[in-house]
Protein backbone atom coordinates (compact mmCIF):
# COMPACT_ATOMS: atom_id res chain seq x y z
CA MET A 1 -49.77 -33.36 -5.27
CA PRO A 2 -48.96 -36.70 -3.87
CA ILE A 3 -50.84 -38.03 -1.37
CA GLY A 4 -49.80 -36.97 2.32
CA GLN A 5 -47.63 -33.94 1.10
CA ARG A 6 -47.76 -30.55 2.88
CA ASN A 7 -47.57 -27.00 1.53
CA ARG A 8 -45.31 -25.27 3.84
CA HIS A 9 -46.38 -22.09 2.54
CA ARG A 10 -48.34 -19.48 5.19
CA GLY A 11 -52.11 -19.91 4.84
CA TRP A 12 -54.31 -22.86 4.26
CA LEU A 13 -52.22 -26.15 4.15
CA CYS A 14 -54.35 -28.59 1.67
CA THR A 15 -54.16 -32.19 2.76
CA VAL A 16 -55.31 -34.82 0.18
CA ILE A 17 -56.96 -38.21 1.55
CA GLY A 18 -57.52 -40.98 -0.51
CA LEU A 19 -60.51 -42.86 0.14
CA GLY A 20 -60.57 -45.77 -2.31
CA ALA A 21 -61.18 -44.21 -5.70
CA LEU A 22 -62.58 -41.09 -3.93
CA ALA A 23 -60.03 -38.43 -3.29
CA VAL A 24 -60.98 -35.55 -0.62
CA LEU A 25 -58.96 -32.53 -0.13
CA VAL A 26 -58.92 -31.15 3.67
CA PRO A 27 -57.84 -27.62 4.03
CA THR A 28 -56.34 -26.86 7.34
CA TRP A 29 -55.09 -23.31 8.50
CA VAL A 30 -51.26 -22.99 9.68
CA ALA A 31 -50.65 -20.26 11.34
CA ASN A 32 -46.47 -20.83 11.67
CA ALA A 33 -46.33 -22.83 8.36
CA SER A 34 -43.43 -20.50 6.76
CA VAL A 35 -42.07 -18.89 10.20
CA SER A 36 -38.35 -19.71 10.88
CA PRO A 37 -36.46 -18.89 14.04
CA PRO A 38 -33.30 -16.48 14.40
CA PRO A 39 -30.39 -18.36 14.09
CA PRO A 40 -27.67 -18.58 17.00
CA THR A 41 -25.27 -15.88 17.92
CA ASN A 42 -21.95 -15.82 19.46
CA VAL A 43 -20.83 -18.96 17.63
CA THR A 44 -17.39 -20.04 18.93
CA PRO A 45 -15.10 -22.92 17.82
CA THR A 46 -12.35 -24.44 20.23
CA PRO A 47 -10.04 -27.05 18.68
CA GLY A 48 -8.87 -29.95 20.19
CA ASP A 49 -7.23 -33.27 19.34
CA SER A 50 -9.08 -34.59 16.53
CA GLU A 51 -12.26 -32.52 17.51
CA VAL A 52 -13.42 -29.27 17.63
CA THR A 53 -15.84 -27.99 20.25
CA ILE A 54 -18.83 -25.63 18.99
CA SER A 55 -20.64 -23.39 21.40
CA TRP A 56 -23.15 -20.59 21.09
CA THR A 57 -25.91 -18.57 22.46
CA GLU A 58 -29.47 -19.09 22.27
CA PRO A 59 -31.42 -16.44 20.09
CA THR A 60 -34.28 -14.61 21.58
CA THR A 61 -37.62 -15.33 20.22
CA THR A 62 -40.88 -16.05 21.01
CA LEU A 63 -40.90 -19.45 18.94
CA PRO A 64 -40.66 -22.50 20.66
CA ILE A 65 -37.03 -23.39 20.09
CA ILE A 66 -36.53 -27.35 20.43
CA GLY A 67 -32.67 -27.61 19.58
CA PHE A 68 -29.73 -26.87 17.21
CA TYR A 69 -27.93 -28.71 14.69
CA VAL A 70 -24.42 -28.26 13.78
CA TYR A 71 -23.40 -28.48 9.97
CA ASP A 72 -19.38 -29.02 9.10
CA GLY A 73 -17.10 -28.72 5.91
CA THR A 74 -13.55 -28.65 4.79
CA ALA A 75 -14.07 -25.44 2.47
CA SER A 76 -15.79 -22.33 3.24
CA GLY A 77 -19.60 -22.35 2.44
CA GLY A 78 -19.27 -26.08 1.54
CA GLU A 79 -20.89 -27.44 4.74
CA SER A 80 -22.30 -30.92 4.56
CA THR A 81 -26.19 -30.33 3.82
CA THR A 82 -26.59 -33.63 6.55
CA PRO A 83 -26.15 -31.78 10.08
CA ALA A 84 -22.87 -33.31 11.78
CA SER A 85 -24.91 -33.61 14.83
CA PRO A 86 -28.11 -34.73 16.26
CA LEU A 87 -30.42 -32.36 17.65
CA ILE A 88 -28.61 -30.54 20.57
CA SER A 89 -31.08 -29.34 23.33
CA GLY A 90 -27.83 -27.40 24.95
CA THR A 91 -25.74 -24.71 23.55
CA LYS A 92 -22.47 -26.78 22.92
CA TYR A 93 -21.45 -29.51 20.73
CA SER A 94 -18.06 -31.28 20.13
CA VAL A 95 -17.87 -32.66 16.71
CA PRO A 96 -15.40 -35.68 17.01
CA ALA A 97 -13.70 -38.08 14.52
CA LEU A 98 -11.64 -35.09 12.71
CA THR A 99 -8.20 -35.05 11.16
CA ASN A 100 -5.28 -33.31 12.91
CA GLY A 101 -4.07 -30.44 10.93
CA THR A 102 -7.01 -29.74 8.35
CA THR A 103 -9.19 -26.70 8.96
CA TYR A 104 -12.77 -27.28 9.19
CA TYR A 105 -15.51 -24.94 8.51
CA PHE A 106 -19.07 -24.89 10.76
CA TYR A 107 -22.52 -23.41 11.37
CA VAL A 108 -25.20 -23.88 13.51
CA VAL A 109 -29.31 -23.49 12.94
CA SER A 110 -31.81 -23.10 15.45
CA ALA A 111 -34.74 -25.52 15.22
CA ILE A 112 -38.53 -25.25 15.92
CA LYS A 113 -41.27 -27.73 15.51
CA GLY A 114 -40.98 -27.86 11.65
CA SER A 115 -38.98 -25.54 10.43
CA THR A 116 -34.99 -24.61 11.16
CA SER A 117 -33.62 -21.36 11.10
CA GLN A 118 -30.96 -19.77 8.44
CA PRO A 119 -27.29 -20.44 9.21
CA SER A 120 -25.44 -18.69 12.00
CA THR A 121 -22.32 -16.99 11.19
CA GLU A 122 -19.81 -19.43 9.78
CA VAL A 123 -16.46 -19.94 11.94
CA SER A 124 -13.64 -22.66 11.24
CA ALA A 125 -11.27 -24.12 13.24
CA THR A 126 -8.17 -26.47 13.10
CA PRO A 127 -8.01 -29.87 15.61
CA GLY A 128 -4.58 -30.90 16.49
CA LEU A 129 -2.35 -32.31 19.45
CA SER A 130 -2.08 -30.04 22.35
CA GLN A 131 1.52 -28.84 23.20
CA THR A 132 3.44 -26.78 26.20
CA ILE A 133 5.78 -24.29 26.60
CA THR A 134 9.22 -24.32 29.00
CA PHE A 135 10.31 -21.02 29.84
CA ALA A 136 12.49 -20.58 32.64
CA PRO A 137 14.66 -17.29 32.39
CA PRO A 138 17.02 -16.36 35.04
CA PRO A 139 15.61 -14.25 37.73
CA ARG A 140 18.06 -11.51 37.29
CA ALA A 141 20.20 -10.13 34.44
CA PRO A 142 22.31 -6.68 34.05
CA VAL A 143 21.73 -3.94 32.04
CA GLY A 144 22.69 -4.71 28.19
CA THR A 145 22.09 -7.77 26.23
CA PHE A 146 21.43 -11.46 26.91
CA THR A 147 19.78 -14.49 25.81
CA ILE A 148 16.99 -16.49 26.71
CA ALA A 149 15.64 -19.94 25.64
CA ALA A 150 12.46 -21.77 25.82
CA THR A 151 11.13 -25.10 24.33
CA ALA A 152 7.79 -26.46 23.23
CA SER A 153 6.79 -30.18 23.83
CA SER A 154 6.25 -30.12 20.12
CA GLY A 155 9.40 -29.53 19.36
CA LEU A 156 8.35 -26.30 17.09
CA THR A 157 10.00 -22.87 17.77
CA VAL A 158 9.30 -20.81 20.31
CA SER A 159 9.08 -17.12 19.70
CA PHE A 160 9.33 -14.18 22.35
CA ALA A 161 8.23 -10.56 22.93
CA SER A 162 8.64 -8.14 25.60
CA ASP A 163 5.66 -6.60 27.40
CA ALA A 164 7.66 -4.11 28.99
CA ALA A 165 9.02 -0.65 28.17
CA ILE A 166 12.81 -1.40 29.42
CA CYS A 167 13.39 -4.34 27.26
CA THR A 168 13.17 -5.59 23.83
CA VAL A 169 13.46 -9.09 22.29
CA THR A 170 14.88 -9.98 18.69
CA GLY A 171 15.13 -13.75 18.24
CA THR A 172 16.17 -14.86 21.65
CA THR A 173 18.08 -11.88 22.61
CA VAL A 174 16.94 -9.72 25.25
CA THR A 175 18.24 -5.95 25.38
CA ALA A 176 17.67 -4.42 28.41
CA THR A 177 17.84 -0.56 28.58
CA GLY A 178 17.11 0.25 32.25
CA THR A 179 16.70 -1.48 35.80
CA GLY A 180 13.12 -3.06 36.99
CA PRO A 181 11.05 -5.92 35.73
CA CYS A 182 11.16 -6.92 32.44
CA THR A 183 8.36 -9.32 31.32
CA ILE A 184 8.69 -11.59 28.23
CA THR A 185 6.14 -13.80 26.85
CA ALA A 186 6.73 -16.64 25.22
CA SER A 187 4.50 -18.31 22.40
CA GLN A 188 4.03 -21.10 20.08
CA ALA A 189 1.13 -20.77 17.07
CA GLY A 190 0.94 -24.47 16.64
CA GLY A 191 1.09 -26.10 13.30
CA SER A 192 2.37 -29.84 12.09
CA GLY A 193 -0.89 -31.17 13.59
CA TYR A 194 -0.26 -29.34 16.87
CA LEU A 195 -2.45 -26.79 18.56
CA ALA A 196 -1.15 -23.39 19.49
CA ALA A 197 0.52 -23.70 23.18
CA PRO A 198 -0.91 -21.80 26.01
CA GLN A 199 1.50 -18.46 26.32
CA VAL A 200 4.04 -18.31 29.24
CA THR A 201 5.08 -15.20 30.64
CA GLN A 202 8.20 -14.60 33.25
CA SER A 203 9.56 -11.63 34.69
CA ILE A 204 13.46 -10.91 34.87
CA GLN A 205 14.76 -8.21 37.12
CA ILE A 206 16.92 -6.11 35.64
CA VAL A 207 19.78 -4.66 37.89
CA SER A 208 22.86 -2.43 37.08
CA SER A 209 25.39 -5.39 37.73
CA LEU A 210 25.67 -9.17 38.83
CA THR A 211 28.22 -10.66 40.67
CA PRO A 212 30.11 -13.13 38.77
CA GLN A 213 30.27 -16.65 39.77
CA THR A 214 31.99 -20.04 38.58
CA ILE A 215 31.50 -23.81 39.01
CA ALA A 216 33.99 -26.13 39.99
CA PHE A 217 32.99 -29.31 38.38
CA ALA A 218 35.90 -32.55 38.56
CA PRO A 219 33.79 -35.21 38.27
CA PRO A 220 35.99 -38.72 37.81
CA SER A 221 37.85 -39.60 35.14
CA SER A 222 36.25 -43.37 34.45
CA GLU A 223 33.37 -45.01 36.15
CA ARG A 224 31.80 -48.44 35.73
CA VAL A 225 28.51 -49.32 33.79
CA GLY A 226 25.59 -48.42 36.30
CA THR A 227 25.09 -45.58 38.57
CA PHE A 228 27.26 -43.15 40.25
CA THR A 229 26.90 -39.32 41.35
CA VAL A 230 28.81 -36.58 40.57
CA ALA A 231 29.18 -33.07 42.73
CA ALA A 232 30.08 -29.83 41.85
CA SER A 233 29.94 -26.38 43.65
CA ALA A 234 29.34 -22.44 42.71
CA SER A 235 31.45 -20.04 44.17
CA SER A 236 27.83 -18.17 44.82
CA GLY A 237 26.65 -21.33 46.97
CA LEU A 238 23.90 -21.46 44.90
CA THR A 239 22.81 -24.93 43.49
CA VAL A 240 24.24 -26.55 40.25
CA SER A 241 22.53 -28.96 37.92
CA PHE A 242 23.70 -31.19 35.37
CA ALA A 243 22.69 -32.88 31.80
CA SER A 244 24.09 -35.19 29.99
CA ASP A 245 25.51 -34.56 26.41
CA SER A 246 26.23 -38.35 25.25
CA ALA A 247 23.54 -41.41 24.77
CA ILE A 248 25.13 -43.71 26.70
CA CYS A 249 24.49 -41.84 29.75
CA SER A 250 21.67 -39.85 31.70
CA VAL A 251 21.78 -37.67 34.72
CA THR A 252 18.80 -37.23 37.20
CA GLY A 253 19.79 -34.58 39.74
CA ASN A 254 23.16 -35.84 40.55
CA THR A 255 22.88 -39.28 39.66
CA VAL A 256 24.28 -40.15 36.28
CA THR A 257 23.12 -43.55 34.43
CA ALA A 258 25.83 -45.16 32.20
CA THR A 259 24.07 -47.83 30.18
CA GLY A 260 27.03 -48.81 27.74
CA THR A 261 30.77 -48.17 27.49
CA GLY A 262 32.41 -44.63 25.87
CA THR A 263 32.94 -41.03 26.69
CA CYS A 264 29.69 -39.57 28.91
CA THR A 265 29.81 -35.75 28.59
CA ILE A 266 28.23 -34.14 31.54
CA THR A 267 27.84 -30.14 31.58
CA ALA A 268 27.28 -28.35 34.82
CA THR A 269 25.14 -25.21 34.68
CA GLN A 270 24.07 -22.47 37.53
CA ALA A 271 21.62 -20.03 36.02
CA GLY A 272 22.52 -17.34 38.32
CA GLY A 273 20.11 -15.68 40.97
CA SER A 274 20.55 -13.75 44.29
CA GLY A 275 22.72 -11.05 42.68
CA TYR A 276 24.66 -13.18 40.82
CA ALA A 277 25.22 -13.80 37.10
CA ALA A 278 24.48 -16.97 35.32
CA ALA A 279 28.02 -19.14 36.04
CA PRO A 280 30.06 -20.29 32.70
CA GLN A 281 28.86 -23.85 32.21
CA VAL A 282 31.62 -26.41 32.82
CA THR A 283 31.76 -29.69 30.43
CA GLN A 284 33.25 -32.74 31.63
CA SER A 285 34.20 -35.85 30.59
CA ILE A 286 34.12 -39.28 32.26
CA GLN A 287 35.03 -42.74 30.52
CA ILE A 288 32.70 -45.29 31.26
CA VAL A 289 34.10 -48.81 31.07
CA SER A 290 33.03 -52.05 31.76
CA SER A 291 34.56 -52.86 35.06
CA LEU A 292 37.03 -50.98 37.54
CA THR A 293 39.01 -52.07 40.50
CA PRO A 294 37.61 -50.51 43.68
CA GLN A 295 39.84 -48.63 46.08
CA THR A 296 39.58 -47.06 49.81
CA ILE A 297 41.24 -44.04 51.22
CA ARG A 298 42.65 -43.82 54.66
CA PHE A 299 42.14 -40.57 56.58
CA GLY A 300 42.60 -40.68 60.42
CA PRO A 301 40.83 -38.41 62.69
CA LEU A 302 42.15 -35.16 63.33
CA SER A 303 42.65 -33.29 66.83
CA GLY A 304 41.52 -30.00 68.01
CA ARG A 305 43.35 -26.94 67.21
CA LYS A 306 43.50 -23.27 68.21
CA VAL A 307 42.69 -20.41 65.94
CA GLY A 308 45.74 -19.48 63.90
CA ALA A 309 47.33 -23.20 63.65
CA SER A 310 48.64 -24.25 60.51
CA PHE A 311 49.45 -28.28 60.25
CA GLY A 312 49.98 -31.13 57.84
CA VAL A 313 47.23 -33.82 57.23
CA SER A 314 47.91 -37.24 55.18
CA ALA A 315 45.53 -39.19 53.70
CA ALA A 316 46.49 -42.38 51.55
CA ALA A 317 44.40 -44.35 48.67
CA SER A 318 44.85 -47.95 48.64
CA SER A 319 45.64 -47.71 44.63
CA GLY A 320 48.37 -45.43 45.47
CA LEU A 321 46.96 -42.66 43.53
CA VAL A 322 47.25 -38.97 44.94
CA VAL A 323 44.45 -38.33 47.67
CA ALA A 324 42.89 -34.70 47.59
CA LEU A 325 41.78 -32.79 50.40
CA ARG A 326 39.19 -29.99 50.45
CA SER A 327 37.64 -27.79 53.33
CA ASP A 328 33.88 -27.82 53.56
CA THR A 329 33.98 -25.01 56.00
CA PRO A 330 36.24 -22.38 54.47
CA ALA A 331 35.33 -19.69 57.18
CA ILE A 332 36.37 -21.99 59.75
CA CYS A 333 39.61 -23.63 58.02
CA THR A 334 41.33 -23.91 54.46
CA VAL A 335 43.44 -26.51 53.07
CA VAL A 336 46.11 -26.19 50.72
CA GLY A 337 47.95 -29.31 49.44
CA SER A 338 48.11 -30.89 52.82
CA THR A 339 48.14 -28.21 54.77
CA VAL A 340 45.25 -27.25 57.16
CA THR A 341 45.32 -23.14 58.22
CA THR A 342 42.41 -22.65 61.21
CA LEU A 343 40.92 -19.05 60.71
CA ALA A 344 38.19 -18.99 63.32
CA ALA A 345 36.47 -20.68 65.95
CA GLY A 346 34.19 -23.81 65.44
CA THR A 347 34.18 -27.03 63.46
CA CYS A 348 36.30 -27.68 60.80
CA THR A 349 35.33 -30.08 58.37
CA ILE A 350 37.80 -31.85 55.57
CA THR A 351 37.07 -34.25 53.02
CA ALA A 352 39.97 -36.46 51.11
CA THR A 353 39.15 -37.75 47.91
CA GLN A 354 40.07 -40.03 45.09
CA VAL A 355 38.49 -39.49 41.86
CA GLY A 356 40.11 -43.14 39.94
CA ASP A 357 41.62 -43.51 36.58
CA SER A 358 41.17 -45.81 33.95
CA THR A 359 42.20 -48.60 36.34
CA TYR A 360 40.43 -47.77 39.76
CA ALA A 361 37.03 -46.52 40.37
CA ALA A 362 36.49 -43.28 42.43
CA ALA A 363 37.17 -44.21 46.11
CA GLN A 364 34.09 -43.25 48.50
CA PRO A 365 34.98 -39.85 49.91
CA VAL A 366 36.25 -39.78 53.92
CA VAL A 367 35.52 -36.54 55.62
CA ARG A 368 36.64 -35.49 59.42
CA SER A 369 35.89 -32.96 61.38
CA PHE A 370 37.77 -31.51 64.84
CA GLN A 371 36.98 -28.26 66.62
CA VAL A 372 38.83 -25.29 66.50
CA GLY A 373 39.08 -23.19 69.57
CA ALA A 374 40.64 -20.12 70.80
CA THR A 375 42.44 -21.47 73.07
CA GLY A 376 44.07 -24.68 71.71
CA PRO A 377 46.04 -27.77 73.33
CA LEU A 378 49.22 -25.63 73.55
CA ALA A 379 47.95 -22.98 75.36
CA ARG A 380 45.89 -25.32 77.58
CA GLY A 381 49.02 -27.42 78.20
CA TRP A 382 51.05 -23.92 79.26
CA LEU A 383 47.99 -23.24 81.73
CA ILE A 384 48.65 -26.77 83.44
CA VAL A 385 52.21 -25.77 83.90
CA LEU A 386 51.66 -22.44 85.30
CA ILE A 387 49.20 -23.61 87.69
CA ALA A 388 52.07 -26.58 88.76
CA ILE A 389 54.39 -23.71 89.17
CA VAL A 390 51.97 -22.02 91.52
CA ILE A 391 51.50 -24.65 93.71
CA LEU A 392 55.44 -25.21 94.29
CA LEU A 393 56.05 -21.86 94.58
CA ALA A 394 53.26 -21.83 97.29
CA ALA A 395 54.90 -24.76 98.93
CA ALA A 396 58.34 -23.17 98.95
CA VAL A 397 56.60 -19.78 100.47
CA ALA A 398 55.05 -22.15 103.02
CA ALA A 399 58.71 -23.83 103.76
CA LEU A 400 60.29 -20.75 103.89
CA ASN A 401 57.89 -19.61 106.53
CA ARG A 402 58.17 -22.48 108.84
CA ALA A 403 62.00 -21.86 108.60
CA ARG A 404 61.38 -18.30 109.62
CA ARG A 405 59.52 -19.36 112.75
CA ARG A 406 62.78 -21.05 114.20
CA ARG A 407 65.09 -19.32 115.74
CA ALA A 408 68.47 -19.60 113.73
CA ARG A 409 71.95 -20.35 115.53
CA PRO A 410 75.36 -19.26 114.00
CA GLY A 411 77.05 -22.07 112.41
CA THR A 412 74.21 -24.16 112.45
CA ASP A 413 71.27 -22.67 110.55
CA LEU A 414 73.63 -20.75 108.54
CA GLN A 415 76.86 -21.79 107.11
CA LEU A 416 79.48 -19.93 105.82
CA THR A 417 81.97 -20.70 103.18
CA GLN A 418 84.84 -18.49 103.29
CA ALA A 419 87.79 -17.42 100.75
CA ALA A 420 91.38 -17.76 102.05
CA SER A 421 91.80 -13.98 102.22
CA VAL A 422 88.27 -13.23 103.56
CA ARG A 423 86.94 -13.17 107.19
CA ALA A 424 83.29 -13.61 107.91
CA GLN A 425 80.64 -13.88 111.11
CA ALA A 426 76.88 -15.37 110.95
CA ARG A 427 74.77 -13.65 113.55
CA ALA A 428 71.10 -14.44 114.95
CA ASP A 429 68.89 -11.62 115.80
CA PRO A 430 66.52 -12.29 118.69
CA ARG A 431 63.70 -12.53 115.80
CA GLY A 432 65.55 -15.72 114.76
CA ARG A 433 66.61 -13.78 111.26
CA VAL A 434 70.15 -14.64 110.79
CA SER A 435 72.59 -11.97 108.64
CA ALA A 436 76.38 -12.46 107.54
CA HIS A 437 79.14 -9.68 107.77
CA ALA A 438 82.60 -9.45 106.25
CA LEU A 439 85.15 -8.76 108.81
CA ASN A 440 87.73 -7.50 106.56
CA GLY A 441 88.36 -5.87 103.29
CA ASP A 442 85.81 -5.31 100.33
CA ALA A 443 83.97 -8.46 99.58
CA THR A 444 81.44 -9.98 97.21
CA LEU A 445 78.24 -11.53 99.02
CA VAL A 446 77.08 -14.89 97.21
CA VAL A 447 73.95 -16.24 98.31
CA ARG A 448 72.55 -19.67 97.04
CA LEU A 449 69.69 -22.40 98.07
CA GLU A 450 71.10 -25.30 99.12
CA PRO A 451 69.04 -28.53 98.25
CA ARG A 452 68.59 -29.38 102.06
CA ALA A 453 65.04 -27.23 103.30
CA GLY A 454 65.78 -24.83 105.62
CA ILE A 455 69.60 -24.32 105.16
CA ARG A 456 70.85 -21.23 103.53
CA SER A 457 74.42 -20.99 102.35
CA ILE A 458 76.40 -17.76 102.03
CA GLU A 459 79.84 -17.42 100.29
CA PHE A 460 82.00 -14.43 100.52
CA GLU A 461 84.94 -14.12 97.79
CA GLU A 462 87.55 -11.10 98.03
CA VAL A 463 86.88 -8.26 95.48
CA LYS A 464 89.79 -8.29 93.28
CA ARG A 465 91.05 -4.51 92.45
C-alpha cells in the first residue's frame, strides 16, 4: 500500500508512515469510512437560453451533508465523471454555456466529508431561446364555424385546443355548437433552438347571431414620400385598424410612413365586438410619388337652420378637383352630394375633403358646424312680422277709439259719394256715432277706409235689377 493511502473499507483504517528506512503501520478505527449519504430527490430541470437550471430536494438523513454536485452529459447514462458544478450548498444550480437545441442529461449527488451518494434520478432538458404567443381572437362569434389566428415570436406554428364543450378546434377553424363561453388555448411546443412558449388562453362568447358591419375606407389616391394619415370608419362605430401589405410603407395607428415611391397597399380591419361580427376587410392602394402639388379647400361658414330644412352647400378645391362632403353627425343632418337635410335639433358638422390625385396631394379637410333648431330663421322672421302687425293693429284700434270719442258731424266727418240715381243722408246720434241711410230705392252700401285718419267714406250704388 502506498504511503499515505487510506483503506476506505469500514473498520480499521491502516496508515503507513515512513520514518527513514523504518515503516510504521498505524491502525485507526473510522466509523463512517464506507457510509454514503442518500441522493437528492425531486430533481427538476428548467431549460433557458444556453443554460439549464437544476433544482432538487435535500434528502432526509442524520449524516452531515456538506453540499451537492451536478453532473451533465449529452447522452443518457453518459454524464461526465467530472462535476459540472462546484460543491453547491443550496438546492439549485444553473449549468451554463450549453448549446441551444441540444438535449442534455443530468443527475445530482449528495456529499458528506469523504464520501458522496449514488446518482439521483436522471433528468434531461433542451436549452433554447424563449418565445411568446400573440393570440387575440374576436370577443364574440356566432354559432357555426369561424377561424382564429395566433403568432409566435419565433415564427413557429401555433396550435389550438378547445377547453369547452360547446366548441371544437381543427387547425384554425372553430366549430361552435351552442351559445356561451368558448375557451381556446394557443400553444407552441418549441423547436429549432426555441423553448416551448407560455400558453395563452382566451375566451370567445358564442352568441346566436351577430350584427354585420362594413368598413368605409377611401384613402387618397396619391401621396408623397414621408408621413401622412389615413382614416376609415365602421358602420358599427367601432375602431378600425390598419396594416401595410407593402415594403415601401408601414402603418402605426393611422399614420403611414412611406420610404420610397411605388404602390403602398393598406388593409383596414374591424374585428367585431359589442354584438357586431367582424367586418369584411377593405384593401386600398396609394401611389407614393416623390412630390405632389398642394391644394386647399374653400368651404365657407354655414348659418343655422330649422329641423326639416333641405338646402345646398358648396365647396371648391384650388386644384379644381371635386370636393366631397360628408356629415359627421348623421343623427342631426345628412349630406347627399351637395344637399344637406336637417333631421333633429343639435349641432350639424360637415367635413369637406379632397383626396388628391397623381398631381395634387390630398387637401387638408375643412370642417364646418351650424346649429339646427326646432324654430329656424324663417319662422323667427314670421314671428317678427306678426309682432309688427299686432303693434300696427293696436295703433289703428287706438286711433279709431280716439275718433269715436269725438262727436261726428254730418257732411264733415262722414263723406258721402252718391250715384246719380241714389239719394243718401248721413246722420249723427247723440253718442257721436254716424250712420248713413239710402233715401230712395234699393242700394248697395260700400264702405272703405280713407288714407286720412278718422275719415270714413261711404258709397251707395243703385242695385241693378
